[in-house]
Protein backbone atom coordinates (compact mmCIF):
# COMPACT_ATOMS: atom_id res chain seq x y z
CA UNK A 1 51.52 10.52 7.90
CA UNK A 2 51.35 11.91 4.56
CA UNK A 3 49.06 9.74 3.03
CA UNK A 4 46.56 10.12 6.31
CA UNK A 5 46.33 13.84 5.13
CA UNK A 6 45.67 12.97 1.93
CA UNK A 7 43.03 10.94 2.82
CA UNK A 8 41.78 13.25 5.23
CA UNK A 9 41.58 16.25 2.28
CA UNK A 10 39.49 13.80 -0.05
CA UNK A 11 36.65 13.75 2.59
CA UNK A 12 34.32 17.07 1.39
CA UNK A 13 34.91 15.72 -2.08
CA UNK A 14 33.88 12.04 -1.19
CA UNK A 15 30.83 13.70 0.74
CA UNK A 16 29.81 15.64 -2.15
CA UNK A 17 29.72 13.07 -4.33
CA UNK A 18 27.58 10.98 -1.92
CA UNK A 19 25.19 14.05 -1.30
CA UNK A 20 24.68 13.92 -5.47
CA UNK A 21 24.12 10.39 -5.36
CA UNK A 22 21.76 10.23 -2.80
CA UNK A 23 19.96 13.25 -4.85
CA UNK A 24 19.85 11.39 -7.97
CA UNK A 25 18.59 8.12 -6.27
CA UNK A 26 15.72 10.39 -4.68
CA UNK A 27 14.81 12.08 -8.19
CA UNK A 28 14.77 8.37 -9.62
CA UNK A 29 17.37 8.94 -12.04
CA UNK A 30 19.08 5.96 -10.92
CA UNK A 31 17.39 2.88 -11.91
CA UNK A 32 17.66 -0.72 -9.41
CA UNK A 33 18.41 -3.53 -11.29
CA UNK A 34 16.57 -5.77 -8.64
CA UNK A 35 13.14 -5.52 -7.96
CA UNK A 36 11.25 -7.45 -5.47
CA UNK A 37 7.56 -8.68 -6.60
CA UNK A 38 5.60 -5.77 -5.95
CA UNK A 39 7.99 -3.34 -7.86
CA UNK A 40 8.04 -5.68 -10.44
CA UNK A 41 4.10 -5.73 -10.66
CA UNK A 42 3.96 -2.03 -10.51
CA UNK A 43 6.63 -1.78 -13.18
CA UNK A 44 4.69 -3.84 -15.98
CA UNK A 45 1.43 -2.89 -14.62
CA UNK A 46 0.66 -6.61 -13.16
CA UNK A 47 -0.86 -7.63 -10.23
CA UNK A 48 1.21 -9.35 -7.75
CA UNK A 49 -0.90 -12.45 -8.06
CA UNK A 50 0.31 -12.14 -12.09
CA UNK A 51 3.71 -12.16 -11.15
CA UNK A 52 3.58 -15.00 -9.24
CA UNK A 53 1.91 -17.02 -12.02
CA UNK A 54 4.68 -15.86 -14.19
CA UNK A 55 7.25 -17.08 -11.72
CA UNK A 56 5.74 -20.13 -11.53
CA UNK A 57 4.74 -20.79 -15.25
CA UNK A 58 6.96 -19.03 -17.44
CA UNK A 59 10.24 -17.31 -15.69
CA UNK A 60 13.21 -19.25 -14.87
CA UNK A 61 14.93 -19.24 -11.72
CA UNK A 62 18.54 -18.04 -12.55
CA UNK A 63 17.57 -16.27 -15.40
CA UNK A 64 14.51 -13.76 -14.89
CA UNK A 65 14.59 -14.29 -10.74
CA UNK A 66 16.30 -15.50 -7.96
CA UNK A 67 15.76 -16.43 -4.43
CA UNK A 68 19.26 -15.43 -2.73
CA UNK A 69 17.52 -15.62 0.97
CA UNK A 70 14.31 -17.28 0.09
CA UNK A 71 12.79 -13.98 -1.17
CA UNK A 72 12.54 -13.42 -4.60
CA UNK A 73 14.50 -11.09 -6.12
CA UNK A 74 13.61 -10.01 -10.26
CA UNK A 75 16.32 -8.73 -12.79
CA UNK A 76 14.98 -6.01 -14.31
CA UNK A 77 17.22 -6.29 -17.31
CA UNK A 78 15.83 -9.92 -18.16
CA UNK A 79 12.23 -8.72 -17.71
CA UNK A 80 12.66 -5.99 -20.07
CA UNK A 81 14.46 -8.62 -22.55
CA UNK A 82 11.29 -10.93 -21.89
CA UNK A 83 8.64 -8.05 -23.01
CA UNK A 84 10.72 -7.11 -25.67
CA UNK A 85 11.20 -9.96 -27.28
CA UNK A 86 7.66 -11.72 -26.48
CA UNK A 87 9.07 -15.15 -26.23
CA UNK A 88 6.76 -17.02 -23.45
CA UNK A 89 8.72 -20.44 -23.23
CA UNK A 90 7.51 -21.96 -19.84
CA UNK A 91 10.16 -24.15 -17.71
CA UNK A 92 7.69 -27.05 -18.61
CA UNK A 93 8.61 -26.39 -22.00
CA UNK A 94 12.28 -25.98 -21.62
CA UNK A 95 12.28 -29.52 -19.81
CA UNK A 96 10.28 -31.19 -22.64
CA UNK A 97 12.80 -29.66 -25.23
CA UNK A 98 15.89 -31.04 -23.58
CA UNK A 99 15.01 -34.16 -22.13
CA UNK A 100 12.06 -35.35 -24.65
CA UNK A 101 13.07 -33.64 -27.97
CA UNK A 102 16.96 -33.64 -26.97
CA UNK A 103 17.12 -30.11 -28.41
CA UNK A 104 17.82 -26.68 -27.12
CA UNK A 105 15.61 -23.92 -28.22
């Protein structure tokens, strides 16, 4: 019973912390790790068509993006890394390097 009252006394503190998190999220100071195609296009300043082209030609599923329920979600950290390193290795180039040239990048 004593544990119940300890937990009960923590509710106002938890509520205040949740309010603060909601405020931070609304202010945009909490960044998302996963972006949908539209958010990725906005983030990079590209069109959605360009993002779909990148998904098809340059980005690798399992690294740059995932499709856990059939819907594309993009890993913001990997996209940042892709932008800053300037490497644009296509899936076809990776396959060619592995199977034809028998070497990794």
